[in-house]
Amino acid sequence: MKTGFIGLGIMGKPMSRNLMKAGYRLVVFDTDPAPMKEVTADGAEAAESPKEVAGKCDVIVTMLPNSPHVREAVLGENGILEGASPGTTLIDMSSIAPLVSREIAGTLAEKGVEMLDAPVSGGEPKAVDGTLSVMVGGKKEVFEKCCPVMKAMAGSVVLVGDIGAGNIAKLANQIVVALHIAAMSEALVLAAKAGVRPELVYQAIRGGLAGSTVLDAKARLVMDRKFAPGFRVNLHIKDLGNVLETSREIGVPLPLTAAVMEMMQALKVDGSGDEDHCSLVKYYEKMAHIEVNR
């Protein structure tokens, strides 16, 4: 069975390669020809449009930047809907607004096409080693059928509810990650300004209640001044925008999330939008006139 993959960016390219390592025959598409050449050199078949991908595959994975991109790839001209047959399944692993997931799923259902919203967490390192965390929304029977495809790219795959629930879970995840990075940044800048080595503070607190996956993943990058993107500030701004839009729609105040969103917007204005989101530390460093390093 051929599997389609649309979107070969920082996350999609390694995810597609892990599918091929697991034995899946891929048909791929991206608007950028460069990653297409790389992935086809690894053995994938190139397509000229999402429509062509859908016409050749029973299961299609999309990994795209935001809601408009997914809507266009699925419902636009030469999109998945035009090429898909009844019984085809779309696994959208992009991080988009939950209401958009439900809208797209409803349109696909009219043609007998199933959909799972299955955003991921873990960034580029976990995309590369195939240990992403996947949060899935959709029908249980569709989830069970497609679970092996997702497990080829992930260490954890959890069905959290009906369509849209996967992206709700991802929004919750992005709140926690953003606030963890902000808290870590505050703590390390405090230590540096007080004349205590951030490296030793990190080692002292990582084994206690303050320890976290975020702390272990990001503190070392900050202290080594490595801000190459694993997950860009701009993408986290996009996710927090979806968080705040959803929170307003359902009436949930999120004051801490709103504050971190403004910090990330300030970073973007300062030219750090394409850096890793751990560069949030620069917001605090600028105010405190200190740099965190080892």
Protein backbone atom coordinates (compact mmCIF):
# COMPACT_ATOMS: atom_id res chain seq x y z
CA MET A 1 0.00 0.00 0.00
CA LYS A 2 1.35 3.41 -0.96
CA THR A 3 1.20 6.18 1.62
CA GLY A 4 1.14 9.88 0.74
CA PHE A 5 3.13 12.57 2.51
CA ILE A 6 2.56 16.28 1.88
CA GLY A 7 4.85 18.85 3.53
CA LEU A 8 8.59 18.15 3.70
CA GLY A 9 9.81 20.89 6.01
CA ILE A 10 11.91 20.70 9.18
CA MET A 11 9.51 18.15 10.66
CA GLY A 12 8.00 16.53 7.59
CA LYS A 13 11.23 15.51 5.90
CA PRO A 14 12.56 13.34 8.74
CA MET A 15 9.07 12.01 9.44
CA SER A 16 8.73 10.88 5.84
CA ARG A 17 12.13 9.21 5.99
CA ASN A 18 11.10 7.28 9.09
CA LEU A 19 8.04 6.00 7.24
CA MET A 20 10.28 4.73 4.46
CA LYS A 21 12.61 3.10 7.01
CA ALA A 22 9.56 1.30 8.38
CA GLY A 23 8.84 -0.11 4.92
CA TYR A 24 6.17 2.26 3.64
CA ARG A 25 6.25 3.19 -0.05
CA LEU A 26 5.77 6.95 -0.19
CA VAL A 27 4.33 9.36 -2.70
CA VAL A 28 5.40 12.86 -1.67
CA PHE A 29 4.66 16.48 -2.51
CA ASP A 30 5.99 19.84 -1.38
CA THR A 31 5.85 23.27 -2.97
CA ASP A 32 9.63 23.51 -2.46
CA PRO A 33 11.50 21.27 -4.95
CA ALA A 34 14.66 21.01 -2.79
CA PRO A 35 13.32 18.66 -0.08
CA MET A 36 11.39 16.79 -2.78
CA LYS A 37 14.71 15.93 -4.46
CA GLU A 38 16.21 14.79 -1.16
CA VAL A 39 13.32 12.51 -0.24
CA THR A 40 12.91 11.07 -3.73
CA ALA A 41 16.65 10.31 -3.71
CA ASP A 42 15.88 8.17 -0.67
CA GLY A 43 13.29 6.19 -2.64
CA ALA A 44 10.02 8.14 -2.50
CA GLU A 45 7.90 8.80 -5.59
CA ALA A 46 7.34 12.45 -6.45
CA ALA A 47 3.90 13.88 -7.22
CA GLU A 48 3.03 17.19 -8.85
CA SER A 49 0.10 18.08 -6.59
CA PRO A 50 -1.83 16.97 -3.49
CA LYS A 51 -4.50 15.72 -5.90
CA GLU A 52 -2.00 13.35 -7.49
CA VAL A 53 -0.86 12.11 -4.09
CA ALA A 54 -4.47 11.39 -3.09
CA GLY A 55 -5.17 9.59 -6.36
CA LYS A 56 -2.33 7.14 -5.71
CA CYS A 57 -2.68 6.53 -1.95
CA ASP A 58 -5.14 5.12 0.58
CA VAL A 59 -3.60 7.02 3.49
CA ILE A 60 -2.22 10.57 3.20
CA VAL A 61 -0.19 12.39 5.87
CA THR A 62 -0.03 16.19 5.84
CA MET A 63 2.57 18.15 7.82
CA LEU A 64 2.05 21.82 6.99
CA PRO A 65 2.66 25.17 8.75
CA ASN A 66 -0.85 26.38 9.64
CA SER A 67 -4.59 26.23 9.04
CA PRO A 68 -4.65 28.07 5.66
CA HIS A 69 -1.99 25.75 4.23
CA VAL A 70 -3.88 22.63 5.28
CA ARG A 71 -7.17 24.00 3.97
CA GLU A 72 -5.56 24.81 0.61
CA ALA A 73 -3.80 21.43 0.32
CA VAL A 74 -7.00 19.56 1.13
CA LEU A 75 -9.83 21.66 -0.26
CA GLY A 76 -8.10 23.93 -2.79
CA GLU A 77 -7.55 23.53 -6.51
CA ASN A 78 -5.69 20.29 -7.24
CA GLY A 79 -6.13 19.44 -3.58
CA ILE A 80 -6.55 16.14 -1.79
CA LEU A 81 -10.33 16.24 -2.02
CA GLU A 82 -10.20 16.28 -5.82
CA GLY A 83 -8.07 13.13 -5.98
CA ALA A 84 -9.32 11.12 -3.01
CA SER A 85 -11.75 8.22 -3.29
CA PRO A 86 -14.28 7.04 -0.69
CA GLY A 87 -12.38 5.13 1.98
CA THR A 88 -9.25 7.27 1.73
CA THR A 89 -7.93 8.55 5.08
CA LEU A 90 -6.19 11.86 5.75
CA ILE A 91 -3.92 12.05 8.80
CA ASP A 92 -3.24 15.75 9.34
CA MET A 93 -0.21 15.97 11.61
CA SER A 94 0.00 19.77 11.31
CA SER A 95 -0.73 21.98 14.31
CA ILE A 96 -3.80 24.00 13.33
CA ALA A 97 -6.94 25.50 14.82
CA PRO A 98 -9.32 22.77 16.09
CA LEU A 99 -12.34 24.36 14.41
CA VAL A 100 -10.53 24.24 11.06
CA SER A 101 -9.85 20.53 11.58
CA ARG A 102 -13.55 19.97 12.16
CA GLU A 103 -14.47 22.06 9.11
CA ILE A 104 -12.11 20.12 6.83
CA ALA A 105 -13.22 16.77 8.25
CA GLY A 106 -16.86 17.65 7.61
CA THR A 107 -16.18 18.50 3.96
CA LEU A 108 -14.13 15.32 3.45
CA ALA A 109 -16.89 13.21 5.04
CA GLU A 110 -19.29 14.31 2.30
CA LYS A 111 -17.10 12.37 -0.15
CA GLY A 112 -16.61 9.40 2.19
CA VAL A 113 -13.06 10.40 3.13
CA GLU A 114 -12.02 9.91 6.77
CA MET A 115 -9.75 12.23 8.73
CA LEU A 116 -7.67 12.22 11.90
CA ASP A 117 -6.18 15.39 13.37
CA ALA A 118 -2.88 14.20 14.81
CA PRO A 119 -0.48 17.04 15.72
CA VAL A 120 2.89 16.16 17.16
CA SER A 121 5.23 17.34 19.88
CA GLY A 122 8.97 16.87 20.19
CA GLY A 123 10.49 19.15 17.61
CA GLU A 124 13.08 18.26 14.99
CA PRO A 125 15.24 15.98 17.22
CA LYS A 126 12.33 13.65 17.94
CA ALA A 127 11.13 13.87 14.35
CA VAL A 128 14.57 12.63 13.30
CA ASP A 129 14.78 9.75 15.77
CA GLY A 130 11.12 8.77 15.38
CA THR A 131 10.05 9.37 18.98
CA LEU A 132 7.45 12.11 18.55
CA SER A 133 4.42 12.36 20.79
CA VAL A 134 1.22 12.27 18.71
CA MET A 135 -2.15 13.54 19.99
CA VAL A 136 -5.00 12.22 17.88
CA GLY A 137 -8.63 13.18 17.34
CA GLY A 138 -11.07 11.12 15.29
CA LYS A 139 -13.06 7.89 15.13
CA LYS A 140 -11.64 4.99 17.13
CA GLU A 141 -11.84 2.56 14.21
CA VAL A 142 -9.99 4.97 11.91
CA PHE A 143 -7.38 5.57 14.61
CA GLU A 144 -6.80 1.83 15.04
CA LYS A 145 -6.41 1.34 11.29
CA CYS A 146 -3.89 4.18 10.98
CA CYS A 147 -2.03 3.70 14.26
CA PRO A 148 0.83 1.69 12.68
CA VAL A 149 1.52 4.55 10.25
CA MET A 150 1.78 7.05 13.11
CA LYS A 151 3.83 4.70 15.30
CA ALA A 152 6.44 4.50 12.55
CA MET A 153 7.19 8.16 13.34
CA ALA A 154 6.49 8.30 17.07
CA GLY A 155 7.21 7.02 20.53
CA SER A 156 3.72 7.80 21.81
CA VAL A 157 0.40 7.85 19.94
CA VAL A 158 -2.72 8.63 22.01
CA LEU A 159 -6.35 8.98 20.91
CA VAL A 160 -7.72 11.87 22.98
CA GLY A 161 -11.22 12.28 21.54
CA ASP A 162 -13.23 13.09 18.43
CA ILE A 163 -11.98 15.15 15.49
CA GLY A 164 -10.42 18.39 16.72
CA ALA A 165 -9.41 16.91 20.06
CA GLY A 166 -5.89 16.23 18.84
CA ASN A 167 -5.33 19.91 18.17
CA ILE A 168 -6.89 20.88 21.50
CA ALA A 169 -4.33 18.61 23.18
CA LYS A 170 -1.56 20.19 21.09
CA LEU A 171 -2.66 23.68 22.13
CA ALA A 172 -2.46 22.56 25.77
CA ASN A 173 1.00 21.16 25.08
CA GLN A 174 2.19 24.41 23.54
CA ILE A 175 0.98 26.40 26.55
CA VAL A 176 3.00 24.17 28.89
CA VAL A 177 6.13 24.29 26.70
CA ALA A 178 6.01 28.08 26.30
CA LEU A 179 5.55 28.69 30.02
CA HIS A 180 8.31 26.19 30.88
CA ILE A 181 10.75 28.01 28.61
CA ALA A 182 9.77 31.36 30.08
CA ALA A 183 10.20 30.08 33.65
CA MET A 184 13.55 28.49 32.79
CA SER A 185 14.69 31.76 31.19
CA GLU A 186 13.73 33.81 34.23
CA ALA A 187 15.55 31.39 36.54
CA LEU A 188 18.77 31.22 34.54
CA VAL A 189 18.91 34.98 34.01
CA LEU A 190 18.39 35.48 37.75
CA ALA A 191 21.26 33.10 38.50
CA ALA A 192 23.59 34.75 35.98
CA LYS A 193 22.84 38.25 37.24
CA ALA A 194 23.40 37.13 40.83
CA GLY A 195 26.84 35.79 39.94
CA VAL A 196 25.98 32.10 40.28
CA ARG A 197 26.90 29.79 37.39
CA PRO A 198 23.72 28.85 35.48
CA GLU A 199 25.19 25.42 34.70
CA LEU A 200 25.45 24.61 38.42
CA VAL A 201 21.96 25.96 39.13
CA TYR A 202 20.61 23.78 36.32
CA GLN A 203 22.35 20.69 37.72
CA ALA A 204 21.08 21.49 41.22
CA ILE A 205 17.41 21.83 40.26
CA ARG A 206 16.97 19.34 37.42
CA GLY A 207 16.57 16.34 39.74
CA GLY A 208 13.86 17.94 41.86
CA LEU A 209 10.33 19.16 41.28
CA ALA A 210 11.57 21.86 38.89
CA GLY A 211 13.05 19.26 36.57
CA SER A 212 11.31 18.72 33.22
CA THR A 213 11.86 17.51 29.69
CA VAL A 214 11.78 21.13 28.55
CA LEU A 215 14.47 22.12 31.06
CA ASP A 216 16.76 19.27 29.98
CA ALA A 217 16.21 19.95 26.28
CA LYS A 218 16.55 23.73 26.32
CA ALA A 219 18.85 24.79 29.21
CA ARG A 220 21.94 23.33 27.54
CA LEU A 221 21.10 25.05 24.26
CA VAL A 222 20.73 28.40 26.02
CA MET A 223 24.00 28.05 27.93
CA ASP A 224 25.83 27.01 24.75
CA ARG A 225 24.17 29.87 22.81
CA LYS A 226 22.78 27.43 20.25
CA PHE A 227 19.65 29.00 18.81
CA ALA A 228 19.41 27.17 15.49
CA PRO A 229 15.78 26.18 15.09
CA GLY A 230 14.44 22.90 16.35
CA PHE A 231 11.14 24.70 16.73
CA ARG A 232 11.04 28.29 15.54
CA VAL A 233 9.76 31.24 17.56
CA ASN A 234 7.53 32.10 14.60
CA LEU A 235 5.88 28.68 14.73
CA HIS A 236 5.30 28.97 18.46
CA ILE A 237 3.73 32.38 17.86
CA LYS A 238 1.43 30.69 15.34
CA ASP A 239 0.47 28.00 17.87
CA LEU A 240 -0.13 30.50 20.67
CA GLY A 241 -2.25 32.52 18.26
CA ASN A 242 -4.41 29.43 17.78
CA VAL A 243 -4.47 28.92 21.55
CA LEU A 244 -5.69 32.45 22.23
CA GLU A 245 -8.20 32.37 19.37
CA THR A 246 -9.67 29.14 20.72
CA SER A 247 -9.66 30.42 24.30
CA ARG A 248 -11.67 33.46 23.28
CA GLU A 249 -14.15 31.34 21.37
CA ILE A 250 -14.88 29.12 24.37
CA GLY A 251 -14.44 31.72 27.12
CA VAL A 252 -11.24 30.66 28.90
CA PRO A 253 -8.92 33.44 30.16
CA LEU A 254 -5.23 32.58 29.63
CA PRO A 255 -3.22 35.47 31.12
CA LEU A 256 0.15 33.68 31.32
CA THR A 257 -0.11 32.45 27.73
CA ALA A 258 -0.99 35.96 26.57
CA ALA A 259 2.09 37.34 28.37
CA VAL A 260 4.47 34.84 26.78
CA MET A 261 2.90 35.52 23.38
CA GLU A 262 3.86 39.19 23.76
CA MET A 263 7.42 38.21 24.73
CA MET A 264 7.73 36.07 21.60
CA GLN A 265 6.31 38.88 19.48
CA ALA A 266 9.04 41.14 20.89
CA LEU A 267 11.66 38.55 19.93
CA LYS A 268 10.26 38.46 16.41
CA VAL A 269 10.52 42.25 16.14
CA ASP A 270 14.15 41.98 17.29
CA GLY A 271 14.88 39.57 14.42
CA SER A 272 14.81 36.27 16.30
CA GLY A 273 11.64 34.86 14.77
CA ASP A 274 13.47 32.09 12.90
CA GLU A 275 15.53 31.04 15.92
CA ASP A 276 14.63 28.22 18.30
CA HIS A 277 11.97 29.13 20.87
CA CYS A 278 14.56 28.79 23.64
CA SER A 279 15.84 32.16 22.42
CA LEU A 280 13.04 33.50 24.61
CA VAL A 281 15.88 33.85 27.13
CA LYS A 282 17.09 36.83 25.08
CA TYR A 283 13.97 38.77 26.08
CA TYR A 284 15.01 38.50 29.74
CA GLU A 285 18.71 39.00 29.03
CA LYS A 286 17.97 42.26 27.25
CA MET A 287 16.09 43.63 30.27
CA ALA A 288 18.64 42.41 32.81
CA HIS A 289 21.74 43.34 30.77
CA ILE A 290 23.27 39.91 31.26
CA GLU A 291 23.95 36.84 29.10
CA VAL A 292 23.37 33.27 30.24
CA ASN A 293 26.27 30.92 29.48
CA ARG A 294 28.25 28.21 31.17
